[in-house]
Amino acid sequence: MTAQKTVLVVEDEPDAAELFAEMMRVNGFRVVKMFSSTPAIATIIQEKPDVVILDVMMPDVSGLEVLRYMRRDPDLMNIPVIVVSAKSMPSDIRTGMEAGASVYLTKPVGYLDLKQAVERLTQNV
């Protein structure tokens, strides 16, 4: 039996975080939730999740800074990151992709979109 894959949800809005977490739990993923960027980096280093769902607009450090940090760290650079943001302008999406996002989804995120993105990114792990 394969080990349960871990999804780390970094989202400062508790309702949205729980919604994303529940979407992943229903699909058999182990979920770790973080409501702030700064401790999320330590958790990513410790947990080495199979995929990270990352909000951009966070109260402390931008999700994009977390993403850039991950892409610079050899131990973390290959972890897929799904950026989830209310920022939906083409320039925002381009900035997210240039920072290293594997997938950029705009809020409100549909269940199927998120499920398919996570499944696609965790298939090769």
Protein backbone atom coordinates (compact mmCIF):
# COMPACT_ATOMS: atom_id res chain seq x y z
CA MET A 1 0.00 0.00 0.00
CA THR A 2 1.33 3.43 -0.85
CA ALA A 3 1.88 5.94 1.89
CA GLN A 4 -0.73 8.63 2.26
CA LYS A 5 0.35 11.77 0.44
CA THR A 6 0.53 15.02 2.37
CA VAL A 7 -0.94 18.34 1.25
CA LEU A 8 0.13 21.47 3.12
CA VAL A 9 -2.47 24.25 2.97
CA VAL A 10 -1.11 27.75 3.67
CA GLU A 11 -4.11 30.09 3.84
CA ASP A 12 -4.74 32.89 6.34
CA GLU A 13 -8.53 32.77 5.96
CA PRO A 14 -9.70 29.92 8.26
CA ASP A 15 -12.87 29.16 6.28
CA ALA A 16 -10.96 28.92 2.99
CA ALA A 17 -8.21 26.85 4.64
CA GLU A 18 -10.78 24.40 6.00
CA LEU A 19 -12.55 24.24 2.65
CA PHE A 20 -9.31 23.38 0.83
CA ALA A 21 -8.35 20.91 3.57
CA GLU A 22 -11.73 19.18 3.38
CA MET A 23 -11.48 18.98 -0.43
CA MET A 24 -8.16 17.16 -0.01
CA ARG A 25 -9.26 14.90 2.88
CA VAL A 26 -12.21 13.63 0.84
CA ASN A 27 -9.65 12.47 -1.73
CA GLY A 28 -7.58 10.58 0.83
CA PHE A 29 -4.80 13.08 1.41
CA ARG A 30 -3.27 13.86 4.78
CA VAL A 31 -3.66 17.60 5.34
CA VAL A 32 -1.57 20.03 7.36
CA LYS A 33 -3.01 23.55 7.69
CA MET A 34 -1.05 26.73 8.34
CA PHE A 35 -2.58 30.19 8.71
CA SER A 36 0.64 32.17 8.38
CA SER A 37 3.62 32.16 6.00
CA THR A 38 6.49 32.44 8.47
CA PRO A 39 5.89 29.15 10.34
CA ALA A 40 4.87 27.52 7.05
CA ILE A 41 8.49 27.52 5.85
CA ALA A 42 9.62 25.57 8.92
CA THR A 43 6.72 23.15 8.44
CA ILE A 44 7.56 22.66 4.75
CA ILE A 45 11.18 21.89 5.69
CA GLN A 46 10.06 19.44 8.40
CA GLU A 47 7.14 17.77 6.60
CA LYS A 48 8.40 17.79 2.98
CA PRO A 49 4.76 17.68 1.77
CA ASP A 50 3.88 16.13 -1.58
CA VAL A 51 2.20 19.37 -2.63
CA VAL A 52 1.65 22.84 -1.15
CA ILE A 53 -1.53 24.88 -1.66
CA LEU A 54 -0.37 28.44 -1.09
CA ASP A 55 -2.30 31.68 -0.78
CA VAL A 56 -0.49 34.78 -2.07
CA MET A 57 -1.93 37.51 0.14
CA MET A 58 -0.86 36.59 3.64
CA PRO A 59 -0.69 38.84 6.74
CA ASP A 60 3.03 38.36 7.39
CA VAL A 61 5.09 37.28 4.39
CA SER A 62 3.67 37.06 0.87
CA GLY A 63 3.00 33.55 -0.37
CA LEU A 64 5.21 34.43 -3.33
CA GLU A 65 8.13 34.97 -0.95
CA VAL A 66 7.52 31.51 0.52
CA LEU A 67 7.46 30.12 -3.01
CA ARG A 68 10.68 31.90 -3.99
CA TYR A 69 12.33 30.61 -0.81
CA MET A 70 11.27 27.05 -1.68
CA ARG A 71 12.60 27.36 -5.24
CA ARG A 72 16.02 28.48 -3.91
CA ASP A 73 16.30 25.59 -1.41
CA PRO A 74 17.63 22.38 -3.00
CA ASP A 75 15.62 20.24 -0.54
CA LEU A 76 12.36 22.03 -1.32
CA MET A 77 12.70 23.19 -4.93
CA ASN A 78 10.97 20.16 -6.42
CA ILE A 79 7.87 20.25 -4.21
CA PRO A 80 4.91 21.23 -6.41
CA VAL A 81 3.14 24.42 -5.35
CA ILE A 82 -0.41 25.37 -6.28
CA VAL A 83 -0.82 29.10 -5.85
CA VAL A 84 -4.38 30.06 -4.94
CA SER A 85 -5.11 33.77 -5.10
CA ALA A 86 -7.81 36.35 -5.48
CA LYS A 87 -5.32 38.21 -7.65
CA SER A 88 -6.48 37.21 -11.10
CA MET A 89 -4.96 39.77 -13.47
CA PRO A 90 -2.69 38.28 -16.16
CA SER A 91 0.26 40.13 -14.61
CA ASP A 92 -0.50 38.56 -11.19
CA ILE A 93 -0.66 35.09 -12.73
CA ARG A 94 2.59 35.69 -14.63
CA THR A 95 4.30 36.87 -11.43
CA GLY A 96 3.13 33.72 -9.64
CA MET A 97 4.33 31.44 -12.42
CA GLU A 98 7.68 33.26 -12.64
CA ALA A 99 8.10 32.83 -8.87
CA GLY A 100 7.86 29.08 -9.45
CA ALA A 101 4.21 28.11 -9.11
CA SER A 102 3.39 24.70 -10.60
CA VAL A 103 -0.24 25.77 -11.04
CA TYR A 104 -1.96 29.14 -10.46
CA LEU A 105 -5.65 29.00 -9.54
CA THR A 106 -7.79 32.06 -8.92
CA LYS A 107 -10.36 32.30 -6.14
CA PRO A 108 -13.03 31.19 -5.81
CA VAL A 109 -11.40 27.85 -6.56
CA GLY A 110 -13.61 25.09 -7.86
CA TYR A 111 -13.39 21.70 -6.21
CA LEU A 112 -12.65 19.89 -9.49
CA ASP A 113 -9.93 22.36 -10.51
CA LEU A 114 -8.13 21.94 -7.21
CA LYS A 115 -8.61 18.17 -7.11
CA GLN A 116 -7.30 17.73 -10.66
CA ALA A 117 -4.29 20.01 -10.05
CA VAL A 118 -3.31 18.13 -6.87
CA GLU A 119 -3.81 14.72 -8.48
CA ARG A 120 -1.76 15.70 -11.53
CA LEU A 121 1.07 17.08 -9.40
CA THR A 122 1.19 14.12 -7.01
CA GLN A 123 1.06 11.37 -9.64
CA ASN A 124 4.79 11.57 -10.35
CA VAL A 125 5.91 11.92 -6.75
